C-alpha cells in the first residue's frame, strides 16, 4: 500500500483502543456500534465544505482545519494509562497532543468530561481528572467554559 505507514498507525491506535475493554466480546460489541463510519481517502477541504471529519490524531498529521475539537483530554486517556508505563510514553503522548493542537487554523477547542461511564458497559460512572497536559498551557491562552449538565 502507498500509505502503509498511516495504516500501521491506525492499527496501533486500534490496539490501544482495544486494551480499554476487559474482554474481546466487549471490544467487538463496541466496534460493531462504529460500523457506520466509513474510511475515506484524504481530500483537500474546499472553502465551502461544511462536513464534519472525525479523525484520530495520527490520521490528521499534515492536515489543517479551520476548527478543531480535541475531546476526552482526561488523565488515563490523554496521556493514556498504558503510555505512562513506558519510559518515553508521556513525551510521545505530549507530541501527539501538539500535533492535534497545531491542526487548527482559526479555532481550537480542548475538552474533557467531568464524569465518564465505564467503557465496558458496566453500571456506574467515575470522576475524571483533566489531562496533565492542560496544566502546561498558559492560562492566558485559554478561555475556560463550564457547561451545565443537560437536565
N, C-alpha and C. Protein backbone atom coordinates (compact mmCIF):
# COMPACT_ATOMS: atom_id res chain seq x y z
N UNK A 1 0.83 -1.18 0.00
CA UNK A 1 0.00 0.00 0.00
C UNK A 1 0.88 1.25 0.00
N UNK A 2 0.44 2.26 -0.72
CA UNK A 2 1.19 3.51 -0.76
C UNK A 2 1.18 4.19 0.61
N UNK A 3 0.13 4.02 1.36
CA UNK A 3 0.01 4.68 2.67
C UNK A 3 0.18 3.68 3.82
N UNK A 4 1.09 2.75 3.68
CA UNK A 4 1.23 1.69 4.68
C UNK A 4 1.59 2.23 6.07
N UNK A 5 2.34 3.33 6.13
CA UNK A 5 2.69 3.89 7.44
C UNK A 5 1.43 4.37 8.17
N UNK A 6 0.57 5.05 7.44
CA UNK A 6 -0.68 5.53 8.02
C UNK A 6 -1.54 4.36 8.48
N UNK A 7 -1.59 3.31 7.67
CA UNK A 7 -2.38 2.14 8.04
C UNK A 7 -1.79 1.47 9.29
N UNK A 8 -0.48 1.45 9.40
CA UNK A 8 0.17 0.86 10.57
C UNK A 8 -0.20 1.67 11.82
N UNK A 9 -0.17 2.99 11.70
CA UNK A 9 -0.54 3.83 12.83
C UNK A 9 -2.00 3.61 13.23
N UNK A 10 -2.86 3.42 12.23
CA UNK A 10 -4.27 3.12 12.52
C UNK A 10 -4.39 1.82 13.30
N UNK A 11 -3.63 0.81 12.91
CA UNK A 11 -3.66 -0.48 13.62
C UNK A 11 -3.13 -0.33 15.04
N UNK A 12 -2.08 0.46 15.20
CA UNK A 12 -1.54 0.71 16.54
C UNK A 12 -2.59 1.37 17.42
N UNK A 13 -3.32 2.34 16.87
CA UNK A 13 -4.36 3.02 17.64
C UNK A 13 -5.53 2.08 17.95
N UNK A 14 -5.84 1.19 17.01
CA UNK A 14 -6.89 0.21 17.26
C UNK A 14 -6.49 -0.70 18.43
N UNK A 15 -5.23 -1.08 18.49
CA UNK A 15 -4.74 -1.92 19.59
C UNK A 15 -4.86 -1.18 20.92
N UNK A 16 -4.51 0.11 20.93
CA UNK A 16 -4.64 0.91 22.15
C UNK A 16 -6.10 0.99 22.58
N UNK A 17 -6.99 1.22 21.61
CA UNK A 17 -8.43 1.28 21.89
C UNK A 17 -8.92 -0.05 22.45
N UNK A 18 -8.48 -1.15 21.88
CA UNK A 18 -8.94 -2.48 22.29
C UNK A 18 -8.55 -2.79 23.73
N UNK A 19 -7.43 -2.27 24.19
CA UNK A 19 -6.96 -2.56 25.54
C UNK A 19 -7.85 -1.98 26.63
N UNK A 20 -8.75 -1.07 26.27
CA UNK A 20 -9.67 -0.49 27.25
C UNK A 20 -10.71 -1.50 27.73
N UNK A 21 -10.92 -2.54 26.96
CA UNK A 21 -12.03 -3.46 27.21
C UNK A 21 -11.54 -4.73 27.89
N UNK A 22 -12.28 -5.19 28.90
CA UNK A 22 -11.85 -6.37 29.65
C UNK A 22 -11.91 -7.67 28.84
N UNK A 23 -12.81 -7.73 27.86
CA UNK A 23 -12.92 -8.95 27.06
C UNK A 23 -12.99 -8.60 25.58
N UNK A 24 -12.65 -9.57 24.74
CA UNK A 24 -12.75 -9.38 23.30
C UNK A 24 -14.20 -9.16 22.89
N UNK A 25 -15.12 -9.79 23.62
CA UNK A 25 -16.54 -9.61 23.32
C UNK A 25 -16.97 -8.15 23.52
N UNK A 26 -16.53 -7.55 24.63
CA UNK A 26 -16.85 -6.14 24.89
C UNK A 26 -16.27 -5.25 23.79
N UNK A 27 -15.04 -5.54 23.41
CA UNK A 27 -14.39 -4.76 22.35
C UNK A 27 -15.15 -4.88 21.03
N UNK A 28 -15.50 -6.09 20.64
CA UNK A 28 -16.20 -6.29 19.37
C UNK A 28 -17.60 -5.69 19.39
N UNK A 29 -18.24 -5.71 20.55
CA UNK A 29 -19.55 -5.08 20.67
C UNK A 29 -19.43 -3.58 20.42
N UNK A 30 -18.45 -2.96 21.04
CA UNK A 30 -18.24 -1.52 20.82
C UNK A 30 -17.87 -1.24 19.37
N UNK A 31 -17.03 -2.07 18.80
CA UNK A 31 -16.61 -1.90 17.41
C UNK A 31 -17.80 -2.02 16.47
N UNK A 32 -18.72 -2.91 16.78
CA UNK A 32 -19.90 -3.09 15.93
C UNK A 32 -20.75 -1.83 15.89
N UNK A 33 -20.74 -1.07 16.98
CA UNK A 33 -21.50 0.18 17.02
C UNK A 33 -20.90 1.24 16.10
N UNK A 34 -19.64 1.06 15.72
CA UNK A 34 -18.95 2.03 14.88
C UNK A 34 -18.94 1.66 13.41
N UNK A 35 -19.66 0.63 13.03
CA UNK A 35 -19.57 0.14 11.65
C UNK A 35 -20.12 1.11 10.63
N UNK A 36 -20.87 2.11 11.04
CA UNK A 36 -21.36 3.06 10.06
C UNK A 36 -20.32 4.11 9.69
N UNK A 37 -19.18 4.11 10.36
CA UNK A 37 -18.10 5.02 9.99
C UNK A 37 -17.41 4.47 8.75
N UNK A 38 -17.18 5.31 7.79
CA UNK A 38 -16.56 4.87 6.55
C UNK A 38 -15.16 5.43 6.44
N UNK A 39 -14.25 4.61 5.97
CA UNK A 39 -12.90 5.09 5.67
C UNK A 39 -12.97 5.85 4.35
N UNK A 40 -12.17 6.87 4.24
CA UNK A 40 -12.17 7.65 3.01
C UNK A 40 -10.76 8.09 2.69
N UNK A 41 -10.52 8.34 1.43
CA UNK A 41 -9.23 8.86 1.02
C UNK A 41 -9.15 10.33 1.44
N UNK A 42 -7.97 10.75 1.82
CA UNK A 42 -7.79 12.15 2.19
C UNK A 42 -7.97 13.03 0.96
N UNK A 43 -8.79 14.04 1.10
CA UNK A 43 -9.01 15.01 0.03
C UNK A 43 -8.91 16.40 0.63
N UNK A 44 -8.35 17.33 -0.10
CA UNK A 44 -8.29 18.70 0.42
C UNK A 44 -9.70 19.24 0.64
N UNK A 45 -9.89 19.93 1.74
CA UNK A 45 -11.20 20.52 2.03
C UNK A 45 -11.41 21.76 1.17
N UNK A 46 -12.62 21.95 0.72
CA UNK A 46 -12.98 23.16 -0.02
C UNK A 46 -13.40 24.22 0.99
N UNK A 47 -13.31 25.47 0.60
CA UNK A 47 -13.71 26.55 1.50
C UNK A 47 -15.18 26.47 1.87
N UNK A 48 -16.02 25.96 0.97
CA UNK A 48 -17.45 25.87 1.24
C UNK A 48 -17.86 24.52 1.82
N UNK A 49 -16.89 23.72 2.21
CA UNK A 49 -17.15 22.38 2.72
C UNK A 49 -17.62 22.48 4.18
N UNK A 50 -18.84 22.05 4.45
CA UNK A 50 -19.39 22.12 5.80
C UNK A 50 -19.49 20.75 6.45
N UNK A 51 -18.77 19.78 5.92
CA UNK A 51 -18.81 18.45 6.52
C UNK A 51 -17.96 18.40 7.79
N UNK A 52 -18.29 17.45 8.61
CA UNK A 52 -17.54 17.19 9.83
C UNK A 52 -16.65 15.99 9.58
N UNK A 53 -15.40 16.06 9.97
CA UNK A 53 -14.49 14.93 9.82
C UNK A 53 -14.10 14.45 11.20
N UNK A 54 -14.36 13.18 11.47
CA UNK A 54 -13.95 12.55 12.71
C UNK A 54 -12.64 11.83 12.42
N UNK A 55 -11.62 12.14 13.18
CA UNK A 55 -10.29 11.64 12.86
C UNK A 55 -9.51 11.33 14.12
N UNK A 56 -8.57 10.41 14.01
CA UNK A 56 -7.58 10.24 15.07
C UNK A 56 -6.51 11.30 14.88
N UNK A 57 -5.71 11.51 15.90
CA UNK A 57 -4.60 12.46 15.78
C UNK A 57 -3.64 11.97 14.70
N UNK A 58 -3.39 10.67 14.67
CA UNK A 58 -2.46 10.12 13.67
C UNK A 58 -2.95 10.39 12.25
N UNK A 59 -4.24 10.24 12.02
CA UNK A 59 -4.78 10.46 10.68
C UNK A 59 -4.72 11.93 10.29
N UNK A 60 -4.71 12.83 11.26
CA UNK A 60 -4.74 14.26 10.98
C UNK A 60 -3.36 14.85 10.72
N UNK A 61 -2.31 14.08 10.92
CA UNK A 61 -0.96 14.61 10.70
C UNK A 61 -0.85 15.17 9.29
N UNK A 62 -0.30 16.38 9.20
CA UNK A 62 -0.09 17.01 7.91
C UNK A 62 -1.30 17.74 7.37
N UNK A 63 -2.45 17.62 8.02
CA UNK A 63 -3.67 18.30 7.57
C UNK A 63 -3.95 19.50 8.46
N UNK A 64 -4.73 20.44 7.95
CA UNK A 64 -5.17 21.58 8.73
C UNK A 64 -6.66 21.76 8.56
N UNK A 65 -7.30 22.30 9.59
CA UNK A 65 -8.74 22.53 9.58
C UNK A 65 -9.01 23.89 10.20
N UNK A 66 -10.08 24.55 9.77
CA UNK A 66 -10.43 25.84 10.35
C UNK A 66 -10.73 25.71 11.84
N UNK A 67 -11.46 24.67 12.20
CA UNK A 67 -11.86 24.44 13.59
C UNK A 67 -11.50 23.01 13.98
N UNK A 68 -10.91 22.86 15.15
CA UNK A 68 -10.53 21.54 15.65
C UNK A 68 -11.06 21.38 17.07
N UNK A 69 -11.68 20.24 17.32
CA UNK A 69 -12.10 19.85 18.66
C UNK A 69 -11.23 18.66 19.08
N UNK A 70 -10.53 18.79 20.19
CA UNK A 70 -9.79 17.66 20.76
C UNK A 70 -10.58 17.26 22.00
N UNK A 71 -11.10 16.04 21.98
CA UNK A 71 -12.01 15.61 23.04
C UNK A 71 -11.34 14.60 23.96
N UNK A 72 -11.97 14.38 25.09
CA UNK A 72 -11.55 13.36 26.07
C UNK A 72 -10.13 13.59 26.59
N UNK A 73 -9.80 14.85 26.87
CA UNK A 73 -8.47 15.16 27.40
C UNK A 73 -8.44 14.91 28.91
N UNK A 74 -8.53 13.63 29.26
CA UNK A 74 -8.54 13.18 30.65
C UNK A 74 -7.26 12.40 30.92
N UNK A 75 -6.74 12.53 32.14
CA UNK A 75 -5.62 11.68 32.52
C UNK A 75 -6.09 10.23 32.45
N UNK A 76 -5.26 9.40 31.91
CA UNK A 76 -5.61 8.00 31.70
C UNK A 76 -6.07 7.74 30.28
N UNK A 77 -6.50 8.81 29.59
CA UNK A 77 -6.88 8.71 28.18
C UNK A 77 -5.90 9.50 27.31
N UNK A 78 -5.53 10.70 27.76
CA UNK A 78 -4.56 11.52 27.03
C UNK A 78 -3.75 12.29 28.05
N UNK A 79 -2.66 11.80 28.56
CA UNK A 79 -1.95 10.62 28.10
C UNK A 79 -2.66 9.34 28.54
N UNK A 80 -2.53 8.33 27.73
CA UNK A 80 -3.16 7.05 28.06
C UNK A 80 -2.43 6.40 29.22
N UNK A 81 -3.17 5.65 30.01
CA UNK A 81 -2.57 4.95 31.15
C UNK A 81 -1.45 4.02 30.67
N UNK A 82 -1.67 3.37 29.55
CA UNK A 82 -0.68 2.44 29.03
C UNK A 82 0.61 3.16 28.62
N UNK A 83 0.49 4.35 28.05
CA UNK A 83 1.68 5.08 27.61
C UNK A 83 2.56 5.45 28.80
N UNK A 84 1.95 5.65 29.96
CA UNK A 84 2.71 6.04 31.14
C UNK A 84 3.53 4.88 31.71
N UNK A 85 3.31 3.69 31.20
CA UNK A 85 4.06 2.52 31.66
C UNK A 85 5.41 2.40 30.96
N UNK A 86 5.64 3.20 29.93
CA UNK A 86 6.91 3.14 29.19
C UNK A 86 7.71 4.40 29.45
N UNK A 87 9.04 4.31 29.37
CA UNK A 87 9.89 5.46 29.70
C UNK A 87 9.60 6.72 28.86
N UNK A 88 9.36 6.57 27.58
CA UNK A 88 9.14 7.73 26.71
C UNK A 88 7.67 7.95 26.38
N UNK A 89 6.80 7.19 27.02
CA UNK A 89 5.38 7.23 26.68
C UNK A 89 4.73 8.58 26.89
N UNK A 90 4.99 9.21 28.02
CA UNK A 90 4.36 10.50 28.29
C UNK A 90 4.82 11.55 27.28
N UNK A 91 6.10 11.55 26.97
CA UNK A 91 6.61 12.53 26.00
C UNK A 91 6.02 12.29 24.61
N UNK A 92 5.85 11.04 24.22
CA UNK A 92 5.23 10.73 22.93
C UNK A 92 3.78 11.21 22.90
N UNK A 93 3.06 11.02 23.98
CA UNK A 93 1.68 11.50 24.06
C UNK A 93 1.63 13.03 24.01
N UNK A 94 2.60 13.68 24.64
CA UNK A 94 2.68 15.15 24.58
C UNK A 94 2.88 15.60 23.13
N UNK A 95 3.73 14.90 22.39
CA UNK A 95 3.95 15.23 20.97
C UNK A 95 2.66 15.04 20.17
N UNK A 96 1.92 13.98 20.48
CA UNK A 96 0.65 13.75 19.78
C UNK A 96 -0.35 14.88 20.05
N UNK A 97 -0.40 15.35 21.28
CA UNK A 97 -1.29 16.47 21.58
C UNK A 97 -0.85 17.71 20.81
N UNK A 98 0.45 17.92 20.71
CA UNK A 98 0.96 19.05 19.93
C UNK A 98 0.50 18.94 18.48
N UNK A 99 0.57 17.73 17.93
CA UNK A 99 0.08 17.52 16.56
C UNK A 99 -1.39 17.90 16.47
N UNK A 100 -2.19 17.44 17.43
CA UNK A 100 -3.63 17.73 17.40
C UNK A 100 -3.89 19.24 17.48
N UNK A 101 -3.20 19.90 18.38
CA UNK A 101 -3.40 21.34 18.59
C UNK A 101 -3.01 22.13 17.35
N UNK A 102 -1.95 21.73 16.71
CA UNK A 102 -1.45 22.50 15.56
C UNK A 102 -2.20 22.21 14.26
N UNK A 103 -3.25 21.41 14.32
CA UNK A 103 -4.10 21.19 13.14
C UNK A 103 -5.08 22.34 12.94
N UNK A 104 -5.30 23.15 13.98
CA UNK A 104 -6.32 24.21 13.94
C UNK A 104 -5.76 25.48 13.31
N UNK A 105 -6.47 25.99 12.30
CA UNK A 105 -6.10 27.27 11.68
C UNK A 105 -6.69 28.45 12.46
N UNK A 106 -7.96 28.35 12.84
CA UNK A 106 -8.66 29.51 13.43
C UNK A 106 -9.16 29.27 14.85
N UNK A 107 -9.77 28.13 15.09
CA UNK A 107 -10.35 27.87 16.40
C UNK A 107 -9.95 26.49 16.90
N UNK A 108 -9.65 26.42 18.20
CA UNK A 108 -9.27 25.17 18.83
C UNK A 108 -10.08 25.02 20.11
N UNK A 109 -10.72 23.87 20.27
CA UNK A 109 -11.49 23.55 21.47
C UNK A 109 -10.89 22.31 22.10
N UNK A 110 -10.49 22.42 23.37
CA UNK A 110 -9.94 21.30 24.13
C UNK A 110 -10.98 20.96 25.18
N UNK A 111 -11.40 19.70 25.25
CA UNK A 111 -12.48 19.37 26.18
C UNK A 111 -12.22 18.07 26.92
N UNK A 112 -12.86 17.99 28.07
CA UNK A 112 -12.84 16.75 28.86
C UNK A 112 -14.13 16.68 29.66
N UNK A 113 -14.63 15.48 29.89
CA UNK A 113 -15.82 15.33 30.71
C UNK A 113 -15.45 15.32 32.20
N UNK A 114 -16.36 15.74 33.03
CA UNK A 114 -16.14 15.65 34.47
C UNK A 114 -16.44 14.25 34.98
N UNK A 115 -17.38 13.58 34.31
CA UNK A 115 -17.81 12.23 34.68
C UNK A 115 -17.86 11.40 33.42
N UNK A 116 -17.48 10.13 33.54
CA UNK A 116 -17.48 9.25 32.38
C UNK A 116 -18.02 7.88 32.77
N UNK A 117 -18.79 7.27 31.88
CA UNK A 117 -19.28 5.91 32.11
C UNK A 117 -18.16 4.92 31.88
N UNK A 118 -18.27 3.77 32.50
CA UNK A 118 -17.25 2.75 32.29
C UNK A 118 -17.32 2.26 30.85
N UNK A 119 -16.15 2.07 30.19
CA UNK A 119 -16.16 1.69 28.78
C UNK A 119 -16.71 0.29 28.52
N UNK A 120 -16.69 -0.56 29.52
CA UNK A 120 -17.13 -1.94 29.30
C UNK A 120 -18.65 -2.08 29.36
N UNK A 121 -19.34 -0.99 29.66
CA UNK A 121 -20.80 -1.05 29.74
C UNK A 121 -21.31 -1.43 31.12
N UNK A 122 -20.41 -1.68 32.07
CA UNK A 122 -20.83 -1.99 33.43
C UNK A 122 -21.50 -0.76 34.02
N UNK A 123 -22.34 -0.97 35.00
CA UNK A 123 -23.05 0.16 35.58
C UNK A 123 -22.10 1.03 36.38
N UNK A 124 -22.40 2.30 36.42
CA UNK A 124 -21.61 3.22 37.21
C UNK A 124 -20.81 4.20 36.37
N UNK A 125 -20.57 5.34 36.97
CA UNK A 125 -19.77 6.39 36.36
C UNK A 125 -18.59 6.67 37.27
N UNK A 126 -17.57 7.31 36.74
CA UNK A 126 -16.49 7.72 37.60
C UNK A 126 -15.98 9.09 37.20
N UNK A 127 -15.47 9.81 38.20
CA UNK A 127 -14.98 11.17 38.00
C UNK A 127 -13.71 11.15 37.17
N UNK A 128 -13.55 12.19 36.38
CA UNK A 128 -12.38 12.32 35.52
C UNK A 128 -11.51 13.48 35.99
N UNK A 129 -10.22 13.32 35.80
CA UNK A 129 -9.28 14.41 36.04
C UNK A 129 -8.84 14.95 34.68
N UNK A 130 -8.74 16.27 34.55
CA UNK A 130 -8.25 16.80 33.27
C UNK A 130 -6.85 16.30 32.99
N UNK A 131 -6.51 16.22 31.73
CA UNK A 131 -5.18 15.79 31.33
C UNK A 131 -4.12 16.68 31.96
N UNK A 132 -3.05 16.08 32.41
CA UNK A 132 -1.94 16.84 32.98
C UNK A 132 -1.35 17.81 31.96
N UNK A 133 -1.56 17.50 30.67
CA UNK A 133 -1.04 18.37 29.62
C UNK A 133 -1.75 19.72 29.60
N UNK A 134 -3.00 19.77 30.03
CA UNK A 134 -3.74 21.03 30.04
C UNK A 134 -3.12 22.01 31.04
N UNK A 135 -2.55 21.49 32.12
CA UNK A 135 -1.91 22.34 33.12
C UNK A 135 -0.66 23.02 32.56
N UNK A 136 -0.09 22.47 31.49
CA UNK A 136 1.13 23.01 30.90
C UNK A 136 0.85 24.18 29.96
N UNK A 137 -0.41 24.43 29.64
CA UNK A 137 -0.78 25.51 28.74
C UNK A 137 -1.00 26.78 29.56
N UNK A 138 -0.38 27.86 29.16
CA UNK A 138 -0.52 29.13 29.87
C UNK A 138 -1.98 29.54 29.96
N UNK A 139 -2.41 29.93 31.16
CA UNK A 139 -3.82 30.29 31.36
C UNK A 139 -4.22 31.49 30.51
N UNK A 140 -3.26 32.33 30.12
CA UNK A 140 -3.55 33.47 29.27
C UNK A 140 -3.95 33.08 27.86
N UNK A 141 -3.68 31.84 27.49
CA UNK A 141 -4.03 31.36 26.16
C UNK A 141 -5.38 30.66 26.13
N UNK A 142 -5.98 30.47 27.30
CA UNK A 142 -7.20 29.68 27.40
C UNK A 142 -8.40 30.55 27.78
N UNK A 143 -9.54 30.13 27.30
CA UNK A 143 -10.82 30.68 27.74
C UNK A 143 -11.61 29.48 28.26
N UNK A 144 -11.80 29.43 29.57
CA UNK A 144 -12.43 28.25 30.17
C UNK A 144 -13.95 28.37 30.15
N UNK A 145 -14.59 27.30 29.72
CA UNK A 145 -16.05 27.21 29.72
C UNK A 145 -16.43 26.03 30.59
N UNK A 146 -17.44 26.21 31.42
CA UNK A 146 -18.00 25.12 32.20
C UNK A 146 -19.45 24.97 31.78
N UNK A 147 -19.75 23.89 31.13
CA UNK A 147 -21.11 23.66 30.64
C UNK A 147 -21.93 22.96 31.70
N UNK A 148 -23.16 23.40 31.85
CA UNK A 148 -24.06 22.78 32.82
C UNK A 148 -24.57 21.46 32.26
N UNK A 149 -24.76 20.48 33.13
CA UNK A 149 -25.30 19.19 32.66
C UNK A 149 -26.69 19.38 32.08
N UNK A 150 -26.99 18.55 31.10
CA UNK A 150 -28.32 18.56 30.49
C UNK A 150 -29.31 18.01 31.49
N UNK A 151 -30.40 18.72 31.73
CA UNK A 151 -31.39 18.28 32.72
C UNK A 151 -32.57 17.63 32.07
